[in-house]
Amino acid sequence: MYPQFAYDKELVKCHPSARQMIVEQMEFYAFAHFTVNTFTDKEWGDGTEPESVFNPTELNADQWVEALKSAGIGGLILTCKHHDGFCLWPSAYTEHCVKNSPYKDGKGDVVKEVSDACRRGGIKFGVYLSPWDRNSRLYGTDEYNDYFCNQLTELLTRYGEIFTVWFDGACGEGPNGKRQVYDWDRYYALIRELQPDACIAICGPDVRWCGNEAGDTRPSEWSVLPTGFASPEDVAKESQQSDDTAFREKKIDAMQRDLGSREFLEGALGLNWRPAETDTSIRPGWFYHASEDDKVRSTETLLDIWYRTVGGNSKLLLNIPPDRRGLFHEVDVQRLKEIGEYIRKTFAVNLAETAVITADLDDGYHTADALQVNSYDAYYKPFDGDNAVTLTVKLDGVKEVSHVVIKEHIPMSQRVEQYVIEAKTADGSFAEVSSGTTIGYQKIAKFDAVSTDEVRIRITDSRVCPVLSFVGIY
């Protein structure tokens, strides 16, 4: 059972909201970092860049979307305004925006082009709006919160449905040398009013930053955390404070490895569903630099990150920066294609669909055959108090098996603390092929291929009785 807390029951929300469920099931989505930095060859602009530098010559957002879809990516977040304050849409509240650039003679709207392309291509669209603005002279004053909300309103009312609003914790000095006190509650309320289905990440209540930009992950990732953990102020302290390339290689701090164990939760005033998101770039930098064309991460490296994030109860937010033409570079496009081809080939045939799945325990209503359909419409569950169960998947013949996918029924929270996967050997005994701790939204266990006609999944410990929604064998 969970540790005993001195909490208010109103603070216990151990399952995802409807908006969080949408993002959970997206699994893999993209960032596109694009602004004046693309043309000045910088990672962070200082806000003094002339609008004239922004002039992509072949911008084609449909090319971005098709490249993303080739990798199986289901959404795109555009950096509508980075720390330099330059807006990729014609904002009524600043002159430092695309309307004063040579792009389309000042008639362009990159946010519209990208959002329209996402809708044409059938993927979701999200927005990034940096709270830090190194161009606005209002930054560091009360009026800046009005300014920021006005820009949020433009983004949330002009471009259709938004699946996420992504905030980092950047907070430095503005042109007047002052730092801003952000009115987060006001920003959140505005988003809920204008885009009620949008998740608010990372300085926000819906999606949690994993804690690094290197693609590092925790072996045990929990979605149930203490209420109040990772406040915007906490995230800001852990976020990048300067244009430091070493930060992008920083791993998760040892003190941050455990965010959800029983010991970590002990004494919490409440619990909240805060799923992790892992953001990292396909290149060393977040923005395009021609000098990095030969430094794009390998397919093997990207797939390793995919397995550890999408297959480890996190979501993967992979940045692909458009180049000065306004296109994804050919090397990046090829990597995306290779990722998608591998994933589609590996998971093309689910051997569990034609198998017989049984459990040693169930409650008589939620039986193991529900696990053959990847859906939350039905689920497997033993009686309350049965915290250890064994599932047996009898295949229709001897098959080569190298992957097992397990999903908890997260509408009823995250429960599993320990599992073991075993394959039947030629002599009739069972040999362990994989084991682990948390499952959560999804665990993808990858191991050396074995020939077997029977796979056994043993949930050896859960906080309360395990509730599972899907098992896949590949």
Protein backbone atom coordinates (compact mmCIF):
# COMPACT_ATOMS: atom_id res chain seq x y z
CA MET A 1 0.00 0.00 0.00
CA TYR A 2 0.99 3.64 -0.31
CA PRO A 3 2.67 5.15 2.75
CA GLN A 4 0.29 6.85 5.14
CA PHE A 5 0.13 10.60 4.58
CA ALA A 6 -1.20 13.51 6.54
CA TYR A 7 -2.90 14.92 3.46
CA ASP A 8 -6.11 16.48 2.31
CA LYS A 9 -7.90 14.01 0.02
CA GLU A 10 -8.60 16.84 -2.40
CA LEU A 11 -4.86 16.90 -3.08
CA VAL A 12 -4.72 13.24 -4.14
CA LYS A 13 -4.96 13.03 -7.95
CA CYS A 14 -3.13 9.85 -8.87
CA HIS A 15 -4.44 9.45 -12.40
CA PRO A 16 -4.22 11.51 -15.60
CA SER A 17 -6.71 14.13 -16.72
CA ALA A 18 -8.29 13.92 -20.17
CA ARG A 19 -5.77 16.41 -21.57
CA GLN A 20 -2.87 14.47 -20.05
CA MET A 21 -4.20 11.25 -21.58
CA ILE A 22 -4.02 12.82 -25.04
CA VAL A 23 -0.34 13.64 -24.63
CA GLU A 24 0.45 10.30 -22.94
CA GLN A 25 -0.84 8.45 -25.99
CA MET A 26 1.10 10.65 -28.42
CA GLU A 27 4.33 9.16 -27.01
CA PHE A 28 6.71 10.80 -29.53
CA TYR A 29 6.51 14.38 -30.78
CA ALA A 30 8.85 17.08 -32.05
CA PHE A 31 10.29 20.51 -31.38
CA ALA A 32 11.29 22.91 -34.15
CA HIS A 33 13.67 25.64 -32.92
CA PHE A 34 13.59 28.41 -35.52
CA THR A 35 14.18 32.16 -35.15
CA VAL A 36 16.79 34.86 -35.83
CA ASN A 37 19.36 32.55 -34.21
CA THR A 38 19.11 30.31 -37.27
CA PHE A 39 20.54 33.17 -39.32
CA THR A 40 23.05 34.57 -36.83
CA ASP A 41 24.48 31.11 -36.04
CA LYS A 42 23.79 31.51 -32.33
CA GLU A 43 21.98 29.40 -29.75
CA TRP A 44 20.68 32.35 -27.74
CA GLY A 45 19.94 35.74 -29.25
CA ASP A 46 20.29 38.91 -27.16
CA GLY A 47 17.25 40.73 -28.52
CA THR A 48 19.21 43.29 -30.56
CA GLU A 49 19.14 41.30 -33.81
CA PRO A 50 17.65 43.32 -36.68
CA GLU A 51 14.43 41.88 -38.05
CA SER A 52 16.06 41.90 -41.48
CA VAL A 53 18.18 38.84 -40.69
CA PHE A 54 15.13 36.55 -40.69
CA ASN A 55 14.58 35.51 -44.31
CA PRO A 56 14.14 31.78 -45.04
CA THR A 57 14.31 31.32 -48.80
CA GLU A 58 12.43 28.02 -49.24
CA LEU A 59 10.30 27.61 -46.13
CA ASN A 60 8.10 24.54 -46.56
CA ALA A 61 6.31 23.42 -43.42
CA ASP A 62 4.75 20.51 -45.32
CA GLN A 63 8.27 19.13 -45.75
CA TRP A 64 8.74 19.30 -41.97
CA VAL A 65 5.49 17.45 -41.34
CA GLU A 66 6.16 14.69 -43.86
CA ALA A 67 9.63 14.13 -42.37
CA LEU A 68 8.15 13.90 -38.88
CA LYS A 69 5.43 11.50 -39.98
CA SER A 70 8.07 9.23 -41.54
CA ALA A 71 9.44 8.73 -37.99
CA GLY A 72 6.01 8.09 -36.49
CA ILE A 73 5.97 11.50 -34.78
CA GLY A 74 2.46 12.74 -33.99
CA GLY A 75 2.91 16.41 -33.07
CA LEU A 76 5.10 19.47 -33.49
CA ILE A 77 5.88 22.31 -31.06
CA LEU A 78 7.18 25.48 -32.72
CA THR A 79 9.36 28.03 -30.91
CA CYS A 80 7.02 30.91 -31.68
CA LYS A 81 9.21 33.24 -29.59
CA HIS A 82 12.58 32.38 -28.09
CA HIS A 83 14.58 34.40 -25.53
CA ASP A 84 15.54 36.98 -28.20
CA GLY A 85 11.91 38.13 -28.27
CA PHE A 86 11.51 37.79 -32.05
CA CYS A 87 7.99 36.57 -32.89
CA LEU A 88 7.36 34.21 -35.80
CA TRP A 89 3.87 35.64 -36.19
CA PRO A 90 2.82 39.26 -36.91
CA SER A 91 2.16 40.30 -33.33
CA ALA A 92 0.23 43.49 -32.67
CA TYR A 93 2.25 44.04 -29.49
CA THR A 94 5.81 44.29 -30.79
CA GLU A 95 7.72 45.46 -33.82
CA HIS A 96 10.32 42.74 -33.23
CA CYS A 97 8.55 40.16 -35.34
CA VAL A 98 8.16 38.65 -38.77
CA LYS A 99 6.04 41.54 -40.07
CA ASN A 100 9.19 43.70 -40.16
CA SER A 101 11.36 41.05 -41.80
CA PRO A 102 11.98 40.59 -45.54
CA TYR A 103 10.28 37.18 -45.39
CA LYS A 104 7.35 37.41 -47.83
CA ASP A 105 7.86 41.17 -47.79
CA GLY A 106 6.63 41.34 -44.22
CA LYS A 107 3.40 39.50 -45.03
CA GLY A 108 4.49 36.13 -43.71
CA ASP A 109 3.22 34.25 -40.67
CA VAL A 110 5.38 31.24 -39.85
CA VAL A 111 3.11 30.11 -37.03
CA LYS A 112 0.17 29.94 -39.45
CA GLU A 113 2.18 28.11 -42.08
CA VAL A 114 3.34 25.49 -39.60
CA SER A 115 -0.02 25.06 -37.85
CA ASP A 116 -1.79 24.73 -41.20
CA ALA A 117 0.76 22.16 -42.39
CA CYS A 118 0.30 20.13 -39.20
CA ARG A 119 -3.45 20.04 -39.74
CA ARG A 120 -3.07 19.09 -43.40
CA GLY A 121 -0.67 16.33 -42.41
CA GLY A 122 -2.81 15.01 -39.56
CA ILE A 123 -0.46 15.76 -36.68
CA LYS A 124 -1.03 18.00 -33.67
CA PHE A 125 0.38 21.51 -33.22
CA GLY A 126 1.80 23.08 -30.08
CA VAL A 127 3.45 26.37 -29.17
CA TYR A 128 6.53 27.40 -27.23
CA LEU A 129 6.58 30.96 -25.92
CA SER A 130 9.65 31.97 -23.96
CA PRO A 131 8.74 33.87 -20.81
CA TRP A 132 12.12 35.60 -20.99
CA ASP A 133 12.18 38.39 -23.56
CA ARG A 134 15.53 40.10 -24.11
CA ASN A 135 14.02 42.60 -26.54
CA SER A 136 10.94 43.92 -24.73
CA ARG A 137 11.54 47.04 -22.65
CA LEU A 138 8.57 46.00 -20.52
CA TYR A 139 10.47 42.98 -19.23
CA GLY A 140 11.03 43.33 -15.49
CA THR A 141 7.86 45.38 -14.94
CA ASP A 142 4.27 44.57 -14.03
CA GLU A 143 3.23 45.58 -17.54
CA TYR A 144 5.23 42.71 -19.00
CA ASN A 145 2.74 40.15 -17.66
CA ASP A 146 0.03 42.00 -19.63
CA TYR A 147 2.27 41.92 -22.70
CA PHE A 148 2.96 38.21 -22.29
CA CYS A 149 -0.74 37.40 -21.88
CA ASN A 150 -1.57 39.44 -24.95
CA GLN A 151 0.90 37.40 -26.98
CA LEU A 152 -0.42 34.16 -25.50
CA THR A 153 -3.91 35.23 -26.52
CA GLU A 154 -2.79 35.81 -30.10
CA LEU A 155 -1.25 32.34 -30.28
CA LEU A 156 -4.17 30.58 -28.63
CA THR A 157 -6.93 32.21 -30.68
CA ARG A 158 -5.51 32.43 -34.21
CA TYR A 159 -4.12 28.99 -34.97
CA GLY A 160 -6.74 26.41 -34.17
CA GLU A 161 -6.43 23.64 -31.61
CA ILE A 162 -3.23 23.62 -29.59
CA PHE A 163 -2.20 20.33 -27.95
CA THR A 164 0.42 21.82 -25.63
CA VAL A 165 1.81 25.15 -24.45
CA TRP A 166 5.46 24.65 -23.58
CA PHE A 167 7.20 26.96 -21.09
CA ASP A 168 10.78 26.72 -19.90
CA GLY A 169 12.00 28.47 -16.78
CA ALA A 170 14.24 31.00 -18.52
CA CYS A 171 14.46 34.18 -16.46
CA GLY A 172 17.30 36.60 -17.05
CA GLU A 173 17.70 40.32 -17.43
CA GLY A 174 15.80 42.37 -19.95
CA PRO A 175 17.01 45.50 -21.78
CA ASN A 176 16.46 47.54 -18.60
CA GLY A 177 18.65 45.19 -16.54
CA LYS A 178 15.68 43.90 -14.53
CA ARG A 179 14.40 40.38 -14.03
CA GLN A 180 10.74 39.50 -14.35
CA VAL A 181 8.41 38.03 -11.74
CA TYR A 182 6.20 35.77 -13.83
CA ASP A 183 2.50 35.54 -13.03
CA TRP A 184 2.24 31.80 -13.70
CA ASP A 185 -1.25 31.45 -12.26
CA ARG A 186 -2.52 34.10 -14.64
CA TYR A 187 -0.86 32.42 -17.61
CA TYR A 188 -2.35 29.05 -16.65
CA ALA A 189 -5.84 30.49 -16.22
CA LEU A 190 -5.66 32.12 -19.65
CA ILE A 191 -4.60 28.86 -21.31
CA ARG A 192 -7.39 26.93 -19.57
CA GLU A 193 -9.89 29.52 -20.79
CA LEU A 194 -8.73 29.69 -24.40
CA GLN A 195 -7.41 26.14 -24.97
CA PRO A 196 -8.90 23.92 -22.24
CA ASP A 197 -7.61 20.70 -23.85
CA ALA A 198 -4.00 21.91 -24.05
CA CYS A 199 -1.42 20.50 -21.64
CA ILE A 200 0.86 23.03 -19.96
CA ALA A 201 4.47 21.86 -19.88
CA ILE A 202 7.28 22.18 -18.41
CA CYS A 203 6.81 25.13 -16.11
CA GLY A 204 3.24 24.00 -15.79
CA PRO A 205 0.96 21.57 -13.99
CA ASP A 206 0.45 18.92 -16.68
CA VAL A 207 3.78 17.61 -17.99
CA ARG A 208 7.05 17.39 -16.06
CA TRP A 209 10.55 18.02 -17.36
CA CYS A 210 12.75 14.93 -17.00
CA GLY A 211 15.57 17.12 -15.67
CA ASN A 212 18.11 17.24 -18.51
CA GLU A 213 18.49 17.91 -22.24
CA ALA A 214 20.89 15.07 -23.03
CA GLY A 215 18.26 12.34 -23.46
CA ASP A 216 19.21 10.76 -20.14
CA THR A 217 16.47 8.80 -18.38
CA ARG A 218 15.68 7.18 -15.03
CA PRO A 219 15.51 3.39 -14.75
CA SER A 220 12.39 3.86 -12.58
CA GLU A 221 10.17 6.69 -13.81
CA TRP A 222 7.07 7.45 -11.76
CA SER A 223 4.16 9.63 -12.85
CA VAL A 224 2.74 10.00 -9.32
CA LEU A 225 4.69 12.68 -7.44
CA PRO A 226 4.16 14.78 -4.32
CA THR A 227 1.84 17.74 -4.79
CA GLY A 228 3.84 20.90 -5.36
CA PHE A 229 6.95 19.08 -6.58
CA ALA A 230 8.75 20.77 -9.51
CA SER A 231 7.15 24.19 -9.15
CA PRO A 232 7.95 26.74 -11.88
CA GLU A 233 10.55 28.26 -9.56
CA ASP A 234 12.17 24.85 -9.02
CA VAL A 235 12.25 24.17 -12.74
CA ALA A 236 13.77 27.60 -13.39
CA LYS A 237 16.61 26.89 -10.97
CA GLU A 238 17.42 23.63 -12.75
CA SER A 239 17.08 25.06 -16.26
CA GLN A 240 19.86 26.41 -18.44
CA GLN A 241 21.02 29.76 -17.05
CA SER A 242 23.29 30.80 -19.92
CA ASP A 243 24.26 29.73 -23.41
CA ASP A 244 26.42 26.93 -22.05
CA THR A 245 26.96 24.02 -24.44
CA ALA A 246 27.92 21.74 -21.53
CA PHE A 247 24.38 22.03 -20.15
CA ARG A 248 23.02 20.19 -23.16
CA GLU A 249 25.18 17.20 -22.24
CA LYS A 250 24.31 17.25 -18.52
CA LYS A 251 22.87 14.01 -17.13
CA ILE A 252 20.17 13.67 -14.48
CA ASP A 253 21.61 14.55 -11.09
CA ALA A 254 22.05 11.61 -8.70
CA MET A 255 19.76 13.35 -6.21
CA GLN A 256 17.02 13.46 -8.86
CA ARG A 257 17.15 9.78 -9.79
CA ASP A 258 14.38 8.85 -7.37
CA LEU A 259 11.22 10.91 -7.76
CA GLY A 260 8.53 8.40 -6.91
CA SER A 261 9.58 5.62 -4.54
CA ARG A 262 7.64 4.99 -1.36
CA GLU A 263 10.49 6.59 0.57
CA PHE A 264 10.39 9.69 -1.63
CA LEU A 265 6.62 10.01 -1.17
CA GLU A 266 6.74 9.55 2.60
CA GLY A 267 5.33 12.60 4.35
CA ALA A 268 3.90 14.20 1.20
CA LEU A 269 0.89 16.46 1.79
CA GLY A 270 -0.73 15.12 -1.37
CA LEU A 271 -0.10 13.35 -4.66
CA ASN A 272 -0.42 14.48 -8.25
CA TRP A 273 -0.13 12.92 -11.72
CA ARG A 274 2.91 14.60 -13.33
CA PRO A 275 4.20 12.44 -16.22
CA ALA A 276 7.74 12.96 -17.50
CA GLU A 277 8.80 14.35 -20.85
CA THR A 278 12.35 13.99 -22.20
CA ASP A 279 13.40 16.83 -24.49
CA THR A 280 16.60 16.53 -26.52
CA SER A 281 17.90 17.56 -29.93
CA ILE A 282 18.82 15.53 -32.98
CA ARG A 283 21.94 17.74 -33.18
CA PRO A 284 24.33 19.11 -30.55
CA GLY A 285 22.52 22.46 -30.64
CA TRP A 286 18.86 23.40 -30.50
CA PHE A 287 19.10 25.72 -33.51
CA TYR A 288 20.50 24.88 -36.94
CA HIS A 289 24.23 25.33 -37.49
CA ALA A 290 25.86 24.22 -40.74
CA SER A 291 28.93 23.20 -38.75
CA GLU A 292 26.82 20.46 -37.13
CA ASP A 293 25.68 18.77 -40.36
CA ASP A 294 28.17 15.97 -39.68
CA LYS A 295 27.25 15.74 -35.99
CA VAL A 296 23.62 14.62 -36.29
CA ARG A 297 22.97 11.79 -33.85
CA SER A 298 23.15 8.31 -35.32
CA THR A 299 20.07 6.20 -35.87
CA GLU A 300 21.31 3.78 -33.20
CA THR A 301 21.69 6.58 -30.64
CA LEU A 302 18.26 8.01 -31.41
CA LEU A 303 16.62 4.59 -31.16
CA ASP A 304 18.32 4.01 -27.81
CA ILE A 305 16.78 7.26 -26.56
CA TRP A 306 13.41 6.22 -28.01
CA TYR A 307 13.48 2.88 -26.19
CA ARG A 308 14.42 4.50 -22.87
CA THR A 309 11.81 7.27 -23.12
CA VAL A 310 8.80 6.01 -25.07
CA GLY A 311 9.52 2.57 -23.63
CA GLY A 312 10.25 3.84 -20.13
CA ASN A 313 7.16 5.81 -19.03
CA SER A 314 8.30 9.10 -20.51
CA LYS A 315 7.44 10.97 -23.67
CA LEU A 316 10.10 11.88 -26.22
CA LEU A 317 10.25 15.46 -27.48
CA LEU A 318 12.88 15.44 -30.22
CA ASN A 319 14.09 18.72 -31.67
CA ILE A 320 14.71 19.00 -35.41
CA PRO A 321 15.85 22.56 -36.28
CA PRO A 322 14.98 23.98 -39.70
CA ASP A 323 17.92 25.42 -41.63
CA ARG A 324 18.28 28.85 -43.24
CA ARG A 325 16.27 27.70 -46.23
CA GLY A 326 13.38 26.94 -43.90
CA LEU A 327 13.71 23.19 -44.49
CA PHE A 328 14.73 20.23 -42.37
CA HIS A 329 18.24 19.34 -43.51
CA GLU A 330 18.64 16.23 -45.64
CA VAL A 331 20.69 14.42 -42.98
CA ASP A 332 18.04 15.02 -40.33
CA VAL A 333 15.29 13.88 -42.71
CA GLN A 334 17.18 10.65 -43.40
CA ARG A 335 17.58 9.96 -39.68
CA LEU A 336 13.85 10.43 -39.12
CA LYS A 337 13.07 8.05 -41.98
CA GLU A 338 15.43 5.41 -40.59
CA ILE A 339 13.92 5.65 -37.10
CA GLY A 340 10.42 5.21 -38.47
CA GLU A 341 11.36 2.30 -40.70
CA TYR A 342 12.95 0.45 -37.80
CA ILE A 343 10.01 1.01 -35.46
CA ARG A 344 7.40 0.02 -38.04
CA LYS A 345 9.31 -3.14 -38.99
CA THR A 346 10.02 -4.18 -35.39
CA PHE A 347 6.46 -3.75 -34.16
CA ALA A 348 4.59 -4.78 -37.33
CA VAL A 349 3.29 -8.11 -35.99
CA ASN A 350 2.04 -8.54 -32.43
CA LEU A 351 2.36 -12.24 -31.67
CA ALA A 352 0.08 -11.84 -28.66
CA GLU A 353 -2.89 -11.11 -30.93
CA THR A 354 -3.15 -14.77 -31.91
CA ALA A 355 -1.93 -16.13 -28.55
CA VAL A 356 -3.86 -17.31 -25.53
CA ILE A 357 -3.29 -15.07 -22.49
CA THR A 358 -4.20 -16.34 -19.05
CA ALA A 359 -3.62 -15.16 -15.49
CA ASP A 360 -3.24 -17.08 -12.27
CA LEU A 361 -5.53 -14.54 -10.59
CA ASP A 362 -8.33 -12.28 -11.76
CA ASP A 363 -11.45 -10.76 -10.24
CA GLY A 364 -13.84 -12.72 -12.45
CA TYR A 365 -14.76 -9.69 -14.56
CA HIS A 366 -11.51 -8.17 -15.83
CA THR A 367 -9.77 -11.17 -17.36
CA ALA A 368 -6.44 -11.46 -19.16
CA ASP A 369 -7.91 -11.70 -22.66
CA ALA A 370 -8.54 -7.93 -22.44
CA LEU A 371 -4.76 -7.48 -22.80
CA GLN A 372 -4.81 -8.41 -26.50
CA VAL A 373 -6.37 -5.08 -27.49
CA ASN A 374 -4.31 -1.88 -27.15
CA SER A 375 -7.12 0.17 -25.64
CA TYR A 376 -8.39 1.59 -22.37
CA ASP A 377 -11.88 0.27 -23.06
CA ALA A 378 -11.10 -2.91 -21.10
CA TYR A 379 -8.40 -4.04 -18.71
CA TYR A 380 -7.08 -6.92 -16.64
CA LYS A 381 -7.38 -6.75 -12.85
CA PRO A 382 -7.14 -9.23 -9.94
CA PHE A 383 -8.95 -8.73 -6.65
CA ASP A 384 -7.87 -5.86 -4.45
CA GLY A 385 -5.04 -7.09 -2.27
CA ASP A 386 -3.61 -9.46 -4.91
CA ASN A 387 -0.45 -7.46 -5.56
CA ALA A 388 1.57 -10.23 -7.24
CA VAL A 389 0.24 -12.02 -10.35
CA THR A 390 1.51 -14.14 -13.23
CA LEU A 391 0.40 -13.73 -16.83
CA THR A 392 1.11 -16.49 -19.34
CA VAL A 393 1.13 -15.83 -23.07
CA LYS A 394 0.89 -19.08 -25.05
CA LEU A 395 1.93 -18.39 -28.65
CA ASP A 396 0.54 -20.33 -31.62
CA GLY A 397 3.87 -22.07 -32.22
CA VAL A 398 7.56 -21.44 -31.63
CA LYS A 399 8.47 -17.85 -32.51
CA GLU A 400 11.49 -15.60 -32.30
CA VAL A 401 10.78 -13.05 -29.57
CA SER A 402 12.88 -9.99 -28.72
CA HIS A 403 10.38 -7.41 -27.39
CA VAL A 404 7.60 -7.40 -24.80
CA VAL A 405 5.39 -4.34 -24.40
CA ILE A 406 3.39 -3.89 -21.18
CA LYS A 407 0.98 -1.06 -20.41
CA GLU A 408 -0.71 -0.26 -17.14
CA HIS A 409 -4.29 0.96 -17.19
CA ILE A 410 -3.23 4.48 -16.19
CA PRO A 411 -6.80 5.81 -15.83
CA MET A 412 -6.50 3.84 -12.57
CA SER A 413 -3.01 5.20 -11.85
CA GLN A 414 0.48 3.66 -11.87
CA ARG A 415 0.93 0.70 -9.53
CA VAL A 416 3.61 -1.81 -10.54
CA GLU A 417 6.91 -1.69 -8.67
CA GLN A 418 8.62 -4.87 -9.89
CA TYR A 419 8.22 -7.30 -12.80
CA VAL A 420 10.05 -10.22 -14.42
CA ILE A 421 9.66 -11.49 -18.00
CA GLU A 422 10.50 -15.13 -18.72
CA ALA A 423 10.54 -17.29 -21.85
CA LYS A 424 9.96 -21.04 -21.97
CA THR A 425 13.03 -22.97 -23.05
CA ALA A 426 13.34 -26.19 -25.06
CA ASP A 427 13.47 -28.30 -21.90
CA GLY A 428 10.21 -26.82 -20.61
CA SER A 429 11.72 -24.58 -17.93
CA PHE A 430 11.46 -20.79 -17.90
CA ALA A 431 14.46 -18.46 -18.22
CA GLU A 432 14.45 -14.77 -17.37
CA VAL A 433 14.89 -12.51 -20.41
CA SER A 434 14.17 -9.12 -18.80
CA SER A 435 13.17 -7.53 -15.51
CA GLY A 436 12.54 -4.08 -14.15
CA THR A 437 10.66 -1.85 -11.77
CA THR A 438 8.12 0.67 -13.08
CA ILE A 439 5.81 0.20 -16.05
CA GLY A 440 3.37 3.12 -16.02
CA TYR A 441 2.03 4.20 -19.40
CA GLN A 442 4.32 1.78 -21.21
CA LYS A 443 7.33 -0.44 -20.79
CA ILE A 444 9.11 -1.74 -23.87
CA ALA A 445 11.41 -4.55 -22.81
CA LYS A 446 14.05 -5.27 -25.47
CA PHE A 447 16.32 -8.32 -25.16
CA ASP A 448 18.35 -10.77 -27.23
CA ALA A 449 16.01 -12.79 -29.42
CA VAL A 450 14.87 -16.15 -28.06
CA SER A 451 12.90 -18.96 -29.70
CA THR A 452 9.90 -19.83 -27.58
CA ASP A 453 6.23 -20.70 -27.66
CA GLU A 454 5.40 -19.27 -24.25
CA VAL A 455 6.17 -16.00 -22.44
CA ARG A 456 5.48 -15.39 -18.78
CA ILE A 457 5.13 -11.97 -17.17
CA ARG A 458 5.32 -12.00 -13.40
CA ILE A 459 4.29 -8.86 -11.54
CA THR A 460 6.16 -9.48 -8.31
CA ASP A 461 5.22 -6.31 -6.44
CA SER A 462 2.66 -3.52 -6.78
CA ARG A 463 1.51 -0.70 -4.52
CA VAL A 464 -2.03 -1.97 -4.87
CA CYS A 465 -3.35 -4.69 -7.17
CA PRO A 466 -1.93 -4.25 -10.69
CA VAL A 467 -4.29 -3.14 -13.44
CA LEU A 468 -2.99 -3.69 -16.98
CA SER A 469 -4.42 -2.61 -20.32
CA PHE A 470 -2.15 -4.24 -22.92
CA VAL A 471 0.54 -6.84 -23.54
CA GLY A 472 2.36 -7.09 -26.86
CA ILE A 473 4.93 -9.70 -27.97
CA TYR A 474 7.20 -8.96 -30.94
